[in-house]
Amino acid sequence: SYQILCEKYPSFRERSKNVDLVVEISLQPWKVF
């Protein structure tokens, strides 16, 4: 979830570097279908 991501990457800059990861996480609910 996004909260776990925030814990792993506290700084916004680090999260920005991992945009692909963010996209993958945000798309996870859709992969169920």
N, C-alpha and C. Protein backbone atom coordinates (compact mmCIF):
# COMPACT_ATOMS: atom_id res chain seq x y z
N SER A 1 0.83 -1.20 0.00
CA SER A 1 0.00 0.00 0.00
C SER A 1 0.87 1.25 0.00
N TYR A 2 0.23 2.38 -0.19
CA TYR A 2 0.96 3.64 -0.26
C TYR A 2 1.64 3.96 1.07
N GLN A 3 1.00 3.59 2.16
CA GLN A 3 1.58 3.86 3.48
C GLN A 3 2.89 3.11 3.67
N ILE A 4 2.93 1.87 3.21
CA ILE A 4 4.16 1.09 3.31
C ILE A 4 5.25 1.75 2.47
N LEU A 5 4.86 2.23 1.31
CA LEU A 5 5.81 2.91 0.43
C LEU A 5 6.40 4.13 1.13
N CYS A 6 5.55 4.88 1.81
CA CYS A 6 6.00 6.08 2.53
C CYS A 6 6.98 5.71 3.64
N GLU A 7 6.76 4.57 4.24
CA GLU A 7 7.66 4.14 5.31
C GLU A 7 9.02 3.74 4.74
N LYS A 8 8.99 3.10 3.58
CA LYS A 8 10.24 2.68 2.95
C LYS A 8 10.99 3.88 2.38
N TYR A 9 10.23 4.81 1.81
CA TYR A 9 10.84 5.98 1.19
C TYR A 9 10.28 7.25 1.82
N PRO A 10 10.82 7.63 2.97
CA PRO A 10 10.29 8.79 3.71
C PRO A 10 10.36 10.08 2.91
N SER A 11 11.42 10.24 2.13
CA SER A 11 11.55 11.50 1.40
C SER A 11 10.80 11.43 0.08
N PHE A 12 10.19 12.54 -0.27
CA PHE A 12 9.42 12.59 -1.51
C PHE A 12 10.32 12.35 -2.71
N ARG A 13 11.55 12.82 -2.62
CA ARG A 13 12.50 12.67 -3.73
C ARG A 13 12.75 11.20 -4.02
N GLU A 14 12.89 10.41 -2.97
CA GLU A 14 13.12 8.97 -3.17
C GLU A 14 11.89 8.33 -3.80
N ARG A 15 10.71 8.75 -3.37
CA ARG A 15 9.48 8.19 -3.95
C ARG A 15 9.39 8.57 -5.42
N SER A 16 9.82 9.77 -5.75
CA SER A 16 9.77 10.22 -7.14
C SER A 16 10.65 9.35 -8.02
N LYS A 17 11.79 8.94 -7.46
CA LYS A 17 12.70 8.07 -8.21
C LYS A 17 12.04 6.73 -8.49
N ASN A 18 11.11 6.36 -7.63
CA ASN A 18 10.47 5.05 -7.75
C ASN A 18 9.05 5.17 -8.30
N VAL A 19 8.90 6.04 -9.28
CA VAL A 19 7.57 6.27 -9.85
C VAL A 19 7.01 4.96 -10.41
N ASP A 20 7.86 4.17 -11.05
CA ASP A 20 7.41 2.90 -11.61
C ASP A 20 6.81 2.02 -10.51
N LEU A 21 7.47 2.03 -9.37
CA LEU A 21 6.98 1.24 -8.24
C LEU A 21 5.63 1.78 -7.78
N VAL A 22 5.51 3.09 -7.73
CA VAL A 22 4.26 3.71 -7.31
C VAL A 22 3.14 3.33 -8.28
N VAL A 23 3.44 3.39 -9.57
CA VAL A 23 2.44 3.05 -10.57
C VAL A 23 2.02 1.59 -10.41
N GLU A 24 2.99 0.73 -10.21
CA GLU A 24 2.69 -0.69 -10.05
C GLU A 24 1.79 -0.90 -8.84
N ILE A 25 2.10 -0.21 -7.76
CA ILE A 25 1.30 -0.35 -6.53
C ILE A 25 -0.11 0.19 -6.75
N SER A 26 -0.21 1.32 -7.43
CA SER A 26 -1.53 1.92 -7.63
C SER A 26 -2.37 1.10 -8.60
N LEU A 27 -1.71 0.30 -9.44
CA LEU A 27 -2.45 -0.51 -10.41
C LEU A 27 -2.81 -1.88 -9.86
N GLN A 28 -2.24 -2.24 -8.72
CA GLN A 28 -2.47 -3.58 -8.17
C GLN A 28 -3.95 -3.95 -8.05
N PRO A 29 -4.79 -3.05 -7.54
CA PRO A 29 -6.21 -3.42 -7.42
C PRO A 29 -6.83 -3.81 -8.76
N TRP A 30 -6.34 -3.21 -9.84
CA TRP A 30 -6.93 -3.48 -11.16
C TRP A 30 -6.48 -4.83 -11.70
N LYS A 31 -5.32 -5.30 -11.26
CA LYS A 31 -4.80 -6.58 -11.75
C LYS A 31 -5.65 -7.75 -11.29
N VAL A 32 -6.46 -7.52 -10.27
CA VAL A 32 -7.32 -8.58 -9.75
C VAL A 32 -8.34 -8.98 -10.81
N PHE A 33 -8.78 -8.02 -11.58
CA PHE A 33 -9.81 -8.29 -12.58
C PHE A 33 -9.19 -8.89 -13.82
